[in-house]
Full PDB file with SEQRES, HELIX, SHEET, SSBOND, CRYST1, ORIGX, SCALE, CONECT and MASTER records, all heavy atoms in Angstrom:
SEQRES   1 A   38  ARG ARG LEU GLY GLY ASN ALA ARG GLY LEU ILE PRO TRP          
SEQRES   2 A   38  GLN ALA THR ARG LEU HIS ALA PRO ASP ARG PRO THR ILE          
SEQRES   3 A   38  ASP ILE THR ALA THR PRO ALA ARG HIS GLY PRO PRO              
SHEET    1 AA1 2 ALA A  15  LEU A  18  0                                        
SHEET    2 AA1 2 ILE A  26  THR A  29 -1                                        
CRYST1    1.000    1.000    1.000  90.00  90.00  90.00 P 1           1          
ORIGX1      1.000000  0.000000  0.000000        0.00000                         
ORIGX2      0.000000  1.000000  0.000000        0.00000                         
ORIGX3      0.000000  0.000000  1.000000        0.00000                         
SCALE1      1.000000  0.000000  0.000000        0.00000                         
SCALE2      0.000000  1.000000  0.000000        0.00000                         
SCALE3      0.000000  0.000000  1.000000        0.00000                         
ATOM      1  N   ARG A   1      84.000 238.732 160.846  1.00  0.00           N  
ATOM      2  CA  ARG A   1      83.052 239.817 161.141  1.00  0.00           C  
ATOM      3  C   ARG A   1      83.781 241.153 161.255  1.00  0.00           C  
ATOM      4  O   ARG A   1      83.309 242.170 160.742  1.00  0.00           O  
ATOM      5  CB  ARG A   1      82.287 239.521 162.422  1.00  0.00           C  
ATOM      6  CG  ARG A   1      81.187 238.494 162.261  1.00  0.00           C  
ATOM      7  CD  ARG A   1      80.286 238.409 163.488  1.00  0.00           C  
ATOM      8  NE  ARG A   1      80.990 237.975 164.678  1.00  0.00           N  
ATOM      9  CZ  ARG A   1      81.228 236.701 165.010  1.00  0.00           C  
ATOM     10  NH1 ARG A   1      80.813 235.738 164.210  1.00  0.00           N  
ATOM     11  NH2 ARG A   1      81.859 236.403 166.120  1.00  0.00           N  
ATOM     12  N   ARG A   2      84.930 241.157 161.917  1.00  0.00           N  
ATOM     13  CA  ARG A   2      85.675 242.407 162.084  1.00  0.00           C  
ATOM     14  C   ARG A   2      86.269 242.893 160.769  1.00  0.00           C  
ATOM     15  O   ARG A   2      86.285 244.090 160.490  1.00  0.00           O  
ATOM     16  CB  ARG A   2      86.801 242.221 163.109  1.00  0.00           C  
ATOM     17  CG  ARG A   2      86.328 242.171 164.544  1.00  0.00           C  
ATOM     18  CD  ARG A   2      87.492 242.189 165.526  1.00  0.00           C  
ATOM     19  NE  ARG A   2      88.282 240.971 165.487  1.00  0.00           N  
ATOM     20  CZ  ARG A   2      88.090 239.902 166.274  1.00  0.00           C  
ATOM     21  NH1 ARG A   2      87.099 239.900 167.146  1.00  0.00           N  
ATOM     22  NH2 ARG A   2      88.876 238.860 166.179  1.00  0.00           N  
ATOM     23  N   LEU A   3      86.763 241.976 159.947  1.00  0.00           N  
ATOM     24  CA  LEU A   3      87.454 242.346 158.716  1.00  0.00           C  
ATOM     25  C   LEU A   3      86.512 242.630 157.558  1.00  0.00           C  
ATOM     26  O   LEU A   3      86.795 243.472 156.706  1.00  0.00           O  
ATOM     27  CB  LEU A   3      88.435 241.236 158.308  1.00  0.00           C  
ATOM     28  CG  LEU A   3      89.578 240.983 159.280  1.00  0.00           C  
ATOM     29  CD1 LEU A   3      90.341 239.729 158.886  1.00  0.00           C  
ATOM     30  CD2 LEU A   3      90.498 242.189 159.370  1.00  0.00           C  
ATOM     31  N   GLY A   4      85.399 241.884 157.479  1.00  0.00           N  
ATOM     32  CA  GLY A   4      84.453 242.063 156.377  1.00  0.00           C  
ATOM     33  C   GLY A   4      85.084 241.736 155.035  1.00  0.00           C  
ATOM     34  O   GLY A   4      86.058 240.989 154.938  1.00  0.00           O  
ATOM     35  N   GLY A   5      84.538 242.305 153.968  1.00  0.00           N  
ATOM     36  CA  GLY A   5      85.095 242.144 152.628  1.00  0.00           C  
ATOM     37  C   GLY A   5      85.241 240.706 152.198  1.00  0.00           C  
ATOM     38  O   GLY A   5      84.265 239.946 152.184  1.00  0.00           O  
ATOM     39  N   ASN A   6      86.439 240.277 151.880  1.00  0.00           N  
ATOM     40  CA  ASN A   6      86.708 238.957 151.331  1.00  0.00           C  
ATOM     41  C   ASN A   6      87.024 237.902 152.402  1.00  0.00           C  
ATOM     42  O   ASN A   6      87.493 236.818 152.073  1.00  0.00           O  
ATOM     43  CB  ASN A   6      87.867 239.050 150.333  1.00  0.00           C  
ATOM     44  CG  ASN A   6      89.127 239.604 150.971  1.00  0.00           C  
ATOM     45  OD1 ASN A   6      89.121 240.074 152.104  1.00  0.00           O  
ATOM     46  ND2 ASN A   6      90.217 239.578 150.224  1.00  0.00           N  
ATOM     47  N   ALA A   7      86.764 238.224 153.664  1.00  0.00           N  
ATOM     48  CA  ALA A   7      87.076 237.298 154.755  1.00  0.00           C  
ATOM     49  C   ALA A   7      85.979 236.240 154.903  1.00  0.00           C  
ATOM     50  O   ALA A   7      84.788 236.562 154.887  1.00  0.00           O  
ATOM     51  CB  ALA A   7      87.253 238.049 156.063  1.00  0.00           C  
ATOM     52  N   ARG A   8      86.411 234.981 155.043  1.00  0.00           N  
ATOM     53  CA  ARG A   8      85.508 233.849 155.267  1.00  0.00           C  
ATOM     54  C   ARG A   8      85.828 233.266 156.645  1.00  0.00           C  
ATOM     55  O   ARG A   8      86.941 232.814 156.877  1.00  0.00           O  
ATOM     56  CB  ARG A   8      85.731 232.741 154.250  1.00  0.00           C  
ATOM     57  CG  ARG A   8      85.536 233.107 152.814  1.00  0.00           C  
ATOM     58  CD  ARG A   8      85.799 231.883 151.942  1.00  0.00           C  
ATOM     59  NE  ARG A   8      86.089 232.288 150.580  1.00  0.00           N  
ATOM     60  CZ  ARG A   8      86.493 231.456 149.633  1.00  0.00           C  
ATOM     61  NH1 ARG A   8      86.671 230.181 149.894  1.00  0.00           N  
ATOM     62  NH2 ARG A   8      86.735 231.896 148.418  1.00  0.00           N  
ATOM     63  N   GLY A   9      84.851 233.265 157.530  1.00  0.00           N  
ATOM     64  CA  GLY A   9      85.050 232.720 158.864  1.00  0.00           C  
ATOM     65  C   GLY A   9      84.647 231.260 158.930  1.00  0.00           C  
ATOM     66  O   GLY A   9      83.558 230.890 158.479  1.00  0.00           O  
ATOM     67  N   LEU A  10      85.518 230.427 159.483  1.00  0.00           N  
ATOM     68  CA  LEU A  10      85.238 228.996 159.635  1.00  0.00           C  
ATOM     69  C   LEU A  10      85.342 228.597 161.102  1.00  0.00           C  
ATOM     70  O   LEU A  10      86.270 229.004 161.789  1.00  0.00           O  
ATOM     71  CB  LEU A  10      86.240 228.164 158.832  1.00  0.00           C  
ATOM     72  CG  LEU A  10      86.343 228.397 157.328  1.00  0.00           C  
ATOM     73  CD1 LEU A  10      87.435 227.510 156.737  1.00  0.00           C  
ATOM     74  CD2 LEU A  10      85.014 228.149 156.650  1.00  0.00           C  
ATOM     75  N   ILE A  11      84.407 227.770 161.538  1.00  0.00           N  
ATOM     76  CA  ILE A  11      84.502 227.172 162.865  1.00  0.00           C  
ATOM     77  C   ILE A  11      85.304 225.877 162.730  1.00  0.00           C  
ATOM     78  O   ILE A  11      85.456 225.356 161.618  1.00  0.00           O  
ATOM     79  CB  ILE A  11      83.111 226.897 163.482  1.00  0.00           C  
ATOM     80  CG1 ILE A  11      82.316 225.921 162.610  1.00  0.00           C  
ATOM     81  CG2 ILE A  11      82.345 228.196 163.704  1.00  0.00           C  
ATOM     82  CD1 ILE A  11      81.016 225.452 163.227  1.00  0.00           C  
ATOM     83  N   PRO A  12      85.850 225.350 163.840  1.00  0.00           N  
ATOM     84  CA  PRO A  12      86.631 224.114 163.730  1.00  0.00           C  
ATOM     85  C   PRO A  12      85.876 223.006 163.003  1.00  0.00           C  
ATOM     86  O   PRO A  12      84.689 222.785 163.249  1.00  0.00           O  
ATOM     87  CB  PRO A  12      86.915 223.744 165.176  1.00  0.00           C  
ATOM     88  CG  PRO A  12      86.955 225.072 165.874  1.00  0.00           C  
ATOM     89  CD  PRO A  12      85.863 225.878 165.202  1.00  0.00           C  
ATOM     90  N   TRP A  13      86.562 222.370 162.082  1.00  0.00           N  
ATOM     91  CA  TRP A  13      86.134 221.262 161.226  1.00  0.00           C  
ATOM     92  C   TRP A  13      85.257 221.705 160.064  1.00  0.00           C  
ATOM     93  O   TRP A  13      84.866 220.890 159.253  1.00  0.00           O  
ATOM     94  CB  TRP A  13      85.468 220.135 162.027  1.00  0.00           C  
ATOM     95  CG  TRP A  13      86.350 219.680 163.143  1.00  0.00           C  
ATOM     96  CD1 TRP A  13      86.056 219.717 164.478  1.00  0.00           C  
ATOM     97  CD2 TRP A  13      87.662 219.137 163.045  1.00  0.00           C  
ATOM     98  NE1 TRP A  13      87.121 219.251 165.208  1.00  0.00           N  
ATOM     99  CE2 TRP A  13      88.126 218.886 164.344  1.00  0.00           C  
ATOM    100  CE3 TRP A  13      88.517 218.859 161.970  1.00  0.00           C  
ATOM    101  CZ2 TRP A  13      89.384 218.369 164.609  1.00  0.00           C  
ATOM    102  CZ3 TRP A  13      89.766 218.345 162.238  1.00  0.00           C  
ATOM    103  CH2 TRP A  13      90.192 218.096 163.542  1.00  0.00           C  
ATOM    104  N   GLN A  14      84.968 222.985 159.951  1.00  0.00           N  
ATOM    105  CA  GLN A  14      84.261 223.496 158.780  1.00  0.00           C  
ATOM    106  C   GLN A  14      85.288 223.714 157.670  1.00  0.00           C  
ATOM    107  O   GLN A  14      86.437 224.059 157.938  1.00  0.00           O  
ATOM    108  CB  GLN A  14      83.561 224.809 159.118  1.00  0.00           C  
ATOM    109  CG  GLN A  14      82.662 225.338 158.020  1.00  0.00           C  
ATOM    110  CD  GLN A  14      81.934 226.612 158.443  1.00  0.00           C  
ATOM    111  OE1 GLN A  14      82.280 227.263 159.417  1.00  0.00           O  
ATOM    112  NE2 GLN A  14      80.927 226.964 157.677  1.00  0.00           N  
ATOM    113  N   ALA A  15      84.861 223.517 156.425  1.00  0.00           N  
ATOM    114  CA  ALA A  15      85.806 223.618 155.308  1.00  0.00           C  
ATOM    115  C   ALA A  15      85.301 224.589 154.249  1.00  0.00           C  
ATOM    116  O   ALA A  15      84.107 224.868 154.147  1.00  0.00           O  
ATOM    117  CB  ALA A  15      86.027 222.247 154.689  1.00  0.00           C  
ATOM    118  N   THR A  16      86.235 225.075 153.478  1.00  0.00           N  
ATOM    119  CA  THR A  16      85.952 225.868 152.297  1.00  0.00           C  
ATOM    120  C   THR A  16      86.875 225.346 151.201  1.00  0.00           C  
ATOM    121  O   THR A  16      87.760 224.539 151.464  1.00  0.00           O  
ATOM    122  CB  THR A  16      86.155 227.381 152.552  1.00  0.00           C  
ATOM    123  OG1 THR A  16      85.642 228.130 151.445  1.00  0.00           O  
ATOM    124  CG2 THR A  16      87.616 227.727 152.780  1.00  0.00           C  
ATOM    125  N   ARG A  17      86.671 225.796 150.004  1.00  0.00           N  
ATOM    126  CA  ARG A  17      87.402 225.232 148.877  1.00  0.00           C  
ATOM    127  C   ARG A  17      87.929 226.357 147.991  1.00  0.00           C  
ATOM    128  O   ARG A  17      87.238 227.325 147.710  1.00  0.00           O  
ATOM    129  CB  ARG A  17      86.441 224.350 148.096  1.00  0.00           C  
ATOM    130  CG  ARG A  17      87.038 223.668 146.906  1.00  0.00           C  
ATOM    131  CD  ARG A  17      86.087 222.654 146.350  1.00  0.00           C  
ATOM    132  NE  ARG A  17      86.275 221.428 147.122  1.00  0.00           N  
ATOM    133  CZ  ARG A  17      85.547 220.346 146.993  1.00  0.00           C  
ATOM    134  NH1 ARG A  17      84.552 220.313 146.126  1.00  0.00           N  
ATOM    135  NH2 ARG A  17      85.809 219.280 147.712  1.00  0.00           N  
ATOM    136  N   LEU A  18      89.158 226.174 147.531  1.00  0.00           N  
ATOM    137  CA  LEU A  18      89.725 227.035 146.497  1.00  0.00           C  
ATOM    138  C   LEU A  18      89.733 226.230 145.210  1.00  0.00           C  
ATOM    139  O   LEU A  18      90.260 225.114 145.183  1.00  0.00           O  
ATOM    140  CB  LEU A  18      91.160 227.440 146.846  1.00  0.00           C  
ATOM    141  CG  LEU A  18      91.390 228.245 148.119  1.00  0.00           C  
ATOM    142  CD1 LEU A  18      92.875 228.493 148.321  1.00  0.00           C  
ATOM    143  CD2 LEU A  18      90.622 229.552 148.099  1.00  0.00           C  
ATOM    144  N   HIS A  19      89.133 226.757 144.162  1.00  0.00           N  
ATOM    145  CA  HIS A  19      89.146 226.052 142.881  1.00  0.00           C  
ATOM    146  C   HIS A  19      89.246 227.062 141.742  1.00  0.00           C  
ATOM    147  O   HIS A  19      88.733 228.176 141.829  1.00  0.00           O  
ATOM    148  CB  HIS A  19      87.921 225.144 142.707  1.00  0.00           C  
ATOM    149  CG  HIS A  19      86.620 225.846 142.883  1.00  0.00           C  
ATOM    150  ND1 HIS A  19      85.967 226.472 141.866  1.00  0.00           N  
ATOM    151  CD2 HIS A  19      85.856 226.022 143.989  1.00  0.00           C  
ATOM    152  CE1 HIS A  19      84.845 227.017 142.325  1.00  0.00           C  
ATOM    153  NE2 HIS A  19      84.766 226.759 143.603  1.00  0.00           N  
ATOM    154  N   ALA A  20      89.969 226.636 140.721  1.00  0.00           N  
ATOM    155  CA  ALA A  20      90.164 227.455 139.527  1.00  0.00           C  
ATOM    156  C   ALA A  20      90.608 226.526 138.400  1.00  0.00           C  
ATOM    157  O   ALA A  20      91.210 225.478 138.666  1.00  0.00           O  
ATOM    158  CB  ALA A  20      91.213 228.529 139.767  1.00  0.00           C  
ATOM    159  N   PRO A  21      90.327 226.889 137.165  1.00  0.00           N  
ATOM    160  CA  PRO A  21      90.788 226.062 136.037  1.00  0.00           C  
ATOM    161  C   PRO A  21      92.303 225.889 136.067  1.00  0.00           C  
ATOM    162  O   PRO A  21      93.033 226.808 136.454  1.00  0.00           O  
ATOM    163  CB  PRO A  21      90.352 226.875 134.810  1.00  0.00           C  
ATOM    164  CG  PRO A  21      89.302 227.809 135.291  1.00  0.00           C  
ATOM    165  CD  PRO A  21      89.595 228.072 136.735  1.00  0.00           C  
ATOM    166  N   ASP A  22      92.762 224.720 135.680  1.00  0.00           N  
ATOM    167  CA  ASP A  22      94.188 224.415 135.557  1.00  0.00           C  
ATOM    168  C   ASP A  22      94.974 224.456 136.865  1.00  0.00           C  
ATOM    169  O   ASP A  22      96.196 224.597 136.852  1.00  0.00           O  
ATOM    170  CB  ASP A  22      94.865 225.349 134.529  1.00  0.00           C  
ATOM    171  CG  ASP A  22      94.217 225.251 133.159  1.00  0.00           C  
ATOM    172  OD1 ASP A  22      93.835 224.120 132.766  1.00  0.00           O  
ATOM    173  OD2 ASP A  22      94.060 226.285 132.491  1.00  0.00           O  
ATOM    174  N   ARG A  23      94.255 224.373 137.983  1.00  0.00           N  
ATOM    175  CA  ARG A  23      94.911 224.299 139.289  1.00  0.00           C  
ATOM    176  C   ARG A  23      94.220 223.197 140.097  1.00  0.00           C  
ATOM    177  O   ARG A  23      93.032 222.953 139.913  1.00  0.00           O  
ATOM    178  CB  ARG A  23      94.772 225.603 140.064  1.00  0.00           C  
ATOM    179  CG  ARG A  23      95.474 226.779 139.461  1.00  0.00           C  
ATOM    180  CD  ARG A  23      95.336 227.954 140.375  1.00  0.00           C  
ATOM    181  NE  ARG A  23      95.835 229.173 139.764  1.00  0.00           N  
ATOM    182  CZ  ARG A  23      95.819 230.343 140.366  1.00  0.00           C  
ATOM    183  NH1 ARG A  23      95.308 230.466 141.569  1.00  0.00           N  
ATOM    184  NH2 ARG A  23      96.292 231.397 139.762  1.00  0.00           N  
ATOM    185  N   PRO A  24      94.935 222.576 141.013  1.00  0.00           N  
ATOM    186  CA  PRO A  24      94.266 221.588 141.853  1.00  0.00           C  
ATOM    187  C   PRO A  24      93.294 222.281 142.804  1.00  0.00           C  
ATOM    188  O   PRO A  24      93.563 223.385 143.280  1.00  0.00           O  
ATOM    189  CB  PRO A  24      95.418 220.940 142.626  1.00  0.00           C  
ATOM    190  CG  PRO A  24      96.475 221.994 142.667  1.00  0.00           C  
ATOM    191  CD  PRO A  24      96.349 222.745 141.364  1.00  0.00           C  
ATOM    192  N   THR A  25      92.160 221.661 143.037  1.00  0.00           N  
ATOM    193  CA  THR A  25      91.233 222.177 144.043  1.00  0.00           C  
ATOM    194  C   THR A  25      91.835 221.918 145.413  1.00  0.00           C  
ATOM    195  O   THR A  25      92.313 220.823 145.693  1.00  0.00           O  
ATOM    196  CB  THR A  25      89.861 221.486 143.908  1.00  0.00           C  
ATOM    197  OG1 THR A  25      89.323 221.843 142.617  1.00  0.00           O  
ATOM    198  CG2 THR A  25      88.905 221.921 144.992  1.00  0.00           C  
ATOM    199  N   ILE A  26      91.820 222.931 146.263  1.00  0.00           N  
ATOM    200  CA  ILE A  26      92.350 222.795 147.615  1.00  0.00           C  
ATOM    201  C   ILE A  26      91.198 222.912 148.606  1.00  0.00           C  
ATOM    202  O   ILE A  26      90.482 223.926 148.606  1.00  0.00           O  
ATOM    203  CB  ILE A  26      93.419 223.857 147.929  1.00  0.00           C  
ATOM    204  CG1 ILE A  26      94.584 223.748 146.955  1.00  0.00           C  
ATOM    205  CG2 ILE A  26      93.908 223.713 149.382  1.00  0.00           C  
ATOM    206  CD1 ILE A  26      95.649 224.830 147.142  1.00  0.00           C  
ATOM    207  N   ASP A  27      91.022 221.879 149.423  1.00  0.00           N  
ATOM    208  CA  ASP A  27      90.061 221.929 150.525  1.00  0.00           C  
ATOM    209  C   ASP A  27      90.796 222.435 151.755  1.00  0.00           C  
ATOM    210  O   ASP A  27      91.838 221.887 152.137  1.00  0.00           O  
ATOM    211  CB  ASP A  27      89.470 220.551 150.794  1.00  0.00           C  
ATOM    212  CG  ASP A  27      88.559 220.097 149.673  1.00  0.00           C  
ATOM    213  OD1 ASP A  27      87.787 220.939 149.155  1.00  0.00           O  
ATOM    214  OD2 ASP A  27      88.623 218.918 149.293  1.00  0.00           O  
ATOM    215  N   ILE A  28      90.267 223.493 152.361  1.00  0.00           N  
ATOM    216  CA  ILE A  28      90.858 224.083 153.556  1.00  0.00           C  
ATOM    217  C   ILE A  28      89.895 223.858 154.710  1.00  0.00           C  
ATOM    218  O   ILE A  28      88.760 224.342 154.677  1.00  0.00           O  
ATOM    219  CB  ILE A  28      91.115 225.587 153.376  1.00  0.00           C  
ATOM    220  CG1 ILE A  28      92.038 225.813 152.176  1.00  0.00           C  
ATOM    221  CG2 ILE A  28      91.688 226.196 154.659  1.00  0.00           C  
ATOM    222  CD1 ILE A  28      92.174 227.268 151.777  1.00  0.00           C  
ATOM    223  N   THR A  29      90.332 223.106 155.705  1.00  0.00           N  
ATOM    224  CA  THR A  29      89.517 222.804 156.876  1.00  0.00           C  
ATOM    225  C   THR A  29      90.080 223.555 158.074  1.00  0.00           C  
ATOM    226  O   THR A  29      91.285 223.482 158.356  1.00  0.00           O  
ATOM    227  CB  THR A  29      89.526 221.290 157.175  1.00  0.00           C  
ATOM    228  OG1 THR A  29      89.030 220.597 156.015  1.00  0.00           O  
ATOM    229  CG2 THR A  29      88.662 220.946 158.372  1.00  0.00           C  
ATOM    230  N   ALA A  30      89.210 224.273 158.782  1.00  0.00           N  
ATOM    231  CA  ALA A  30      89.632 224.936 160.020  1.00  0.00           C  
ATOM    232  C   ALA A  30      89.859 223.870 161.082  1.00  0.00           C  
ATOM    233  O   ALA A  30      89.066 222.932 161.214  1.00  0.00           O  
ATOM    234  CB  ALA A  30      88.559 225.915 160.485  1.00  0.00           C  
ATOM    235  N   THR A  31      90.961 223.984 161.803  1.00  0.00           N  
ATOM    236  CA  THR A  31      91.273 223.013 162.851  1.00  0.00           C  
ATOM    237  C   THR A  31      91.245 223.700 164.214  1.00  0.00           C  
ATOM    238  O   THR A  31      91.480 224.911 164.314  1.00  0.00           O  
ATOM    239  CB  THR A  31      92.646 222.357 162.612  1.00  0.00           C  
ATOM    240  OG1 THR A  31      93.664 223.355 162.590  1.00  0.00           O  
ATOM    241  CG2 THR A  31      92.647 221.571 161.302  1.00  0.00           C  
ATOM    242  N   PRO A  32      90.955 222.927 165.258  1.00  0.00           N  
ATOM    243  CA  PRO A  32      90.890 223.519 166.599  1.00  0.00           C  
ATOM    244  C   PRO A  32      92.213 224.159 166.995  1.00  0.00           C  
ATOM    245  O   PRO A  32      93.285 223.665 166.642  1.00  0.00           O  
ATOM    246  CB  PRO A  32      90.586 222.327 167.508  1.00  0.00           C  
ATOM    247  CG  PRO A  32      90.035 221.274 166.621  1.00  0.00           C  
ATOM    248  CD  PRO A  32      90.657 221.496 165.274  1.00  0.00           C  
ATOM    249  N   ALA A  33      92.109 225.241 167.717  1.00  0.00           N  
ATOM    250  CA  ALA A  33      93.276 225.933 168.263  1.00  0.00           C  
ATOM    251  C   ALA A  33      92.816 226.663 169.523  1.00  0.00           C  
ATOM    252  O   ALA A  33      91.656 227.040 169.639  1.00  0.00           O  
ATOM    253  CB  ALA A  33      93.852 226.912 167.249  1.00  0.00           C  
ATOM    254  N   ARG A  34      93.731 226.828 170.438  1.00  0.00           N  
ATOM    255  CA  ARG A  34      93.441 227.591 171.657  1.00  0.00           C  
ATOM    256  C   ARG A  34      94.658 228.446 171.944  1.00  0.00           C  
ATOM    257  O   ARG A  34      95.781 227.958 171.962  1.00  0.00           O  
ATOM    258  CB  ARG A  34      93.140 226.641 172.824  1.00  0.00           C  
ATOM    259  CG  ARG A  34      92.600 227.380 174.033  1.00  0.00           C  
ATOM    260  CD  ARG A  34      92.179 226.436 175.122  1.00  0.00           C  
ATOM    261  NE  ARG A  34      93.374 225.917 175.771  1.00  0.00           N  
ATOM    262  CZ  ARG A  34      93.389 224.784 176.477  1.00  0.00           C  
ATOM    263  NH1 ARG A  34      92.313 224.045 176.591  1.00  0.00           N  
ATOM    264  NH2 ARG A  34      94.503 224.386 177.050  1.00  0.00           N  
ATOM    265  N   HIS A  35      94.434 229.711 172.199  1.00  0.00           N  
ATOM    266  CA  HIS A  35      95.506 230.694 172.289  1.00  0.00           C  
ATOM    267  C   HIS A  35      96.156 230.784 173.668  1.00  0.00           C  
ATOM    268  O   HIS A  35      97.060 231.583 173.866  1.00  0.00           O  
ATOM    269  CB  HIS A  35      94.935 232.049 171.885  1.00  0.00           C  
ATOM    270  CG  HIS A  35      95.918 232.991 171.285  1.00  0.00           C  
ATOM    271  ND1 HIS A  35      96.939 232.607 170.451  1.00  0.00           N  
ATOM    272  CD2 HIS A  35      96.044 234.337 171.400  1.00  0.00           C  
ATOM    273  CE1 HIS A  35      97.633 233.663 170.080  1.00  0.00           C  
ATOM    274  NE2 HIS A  35      97.116 234.721 170.641  1.00  0.00           N  
ATOM    275  N   GLY A  36      95.694 229.977 174.600  1.00  0.00           N  
ATOM    276  CA  GLY A  36      96.255 230.047 175.952  1.00  0.00           C  
ATOM    277  C   GLY A  36      95.751 228.906 176.805  1.00  0.00           C  
ATOM    278  O   GLY A  36      95.184 227.934 176.301  1.00  0.00           O  
ATOM    279  N   PRO A  37      95.926 229.020 178.110  1.00  0.00           N  
ATOM    280  CA  PRO A  37      95.505 227.946 179.007  1.00  0.00           C  
ATOM    281  C   PRO A  37      93.988 227.797 179.048  1.00  0.00           C  
ATOM    282  O   PRO A  37      93.261 228.645 178.522  1.00  0.00           O  
ATOM    283  CB  PRO A  37      96.070 228.373 180.365  1.00  0.00           C  
ATOM    284  CG  PRO A  37      96.296 229.831 180.263  1.00  0.00           C  
ATOM    285  CD  PRO A  37      96.537 230.140 178.809  1.00  0.00           C  
ATOM    286  N   PRO A  38      93.494 226.712 179.665  1.00  0.00           N  
ATOM    287  CA  PRO A  38      92.037 226.532 179.775  1.00  0.00           C  
ATOM    288  C   PRO A  38      91.359 227.789 180.324  1.00  0.00           C  
ATOM    289  O   PRO A  38      91.916 228.490 181.166  1.00  0.00           O  
ATOM    290  CB  PRO A  38      91.892 225.362 180.746  1.00  0.00           C  
ATOM    291  CG  PRO A  38      93.173 224.610 180.632  1.00  0.00           C  
ATOM    292  CD  PRO A  38      94.228 225.655 180.355  1.00  0.00           C  
TER     293      PRO A  38                                                      
MASTER        0    0    0    0    2    0    0    6  292    1    0    3          
END                                                                             
């Protein structure tokens, strides 16, 4: 939301895909992370 443009926001366990001819398709899954203590 802050960056706009070509930014894709994913919540944990949501995935997106990179695909193009002559390249392997890459599935990118967002994984949980926490930046500090509880």
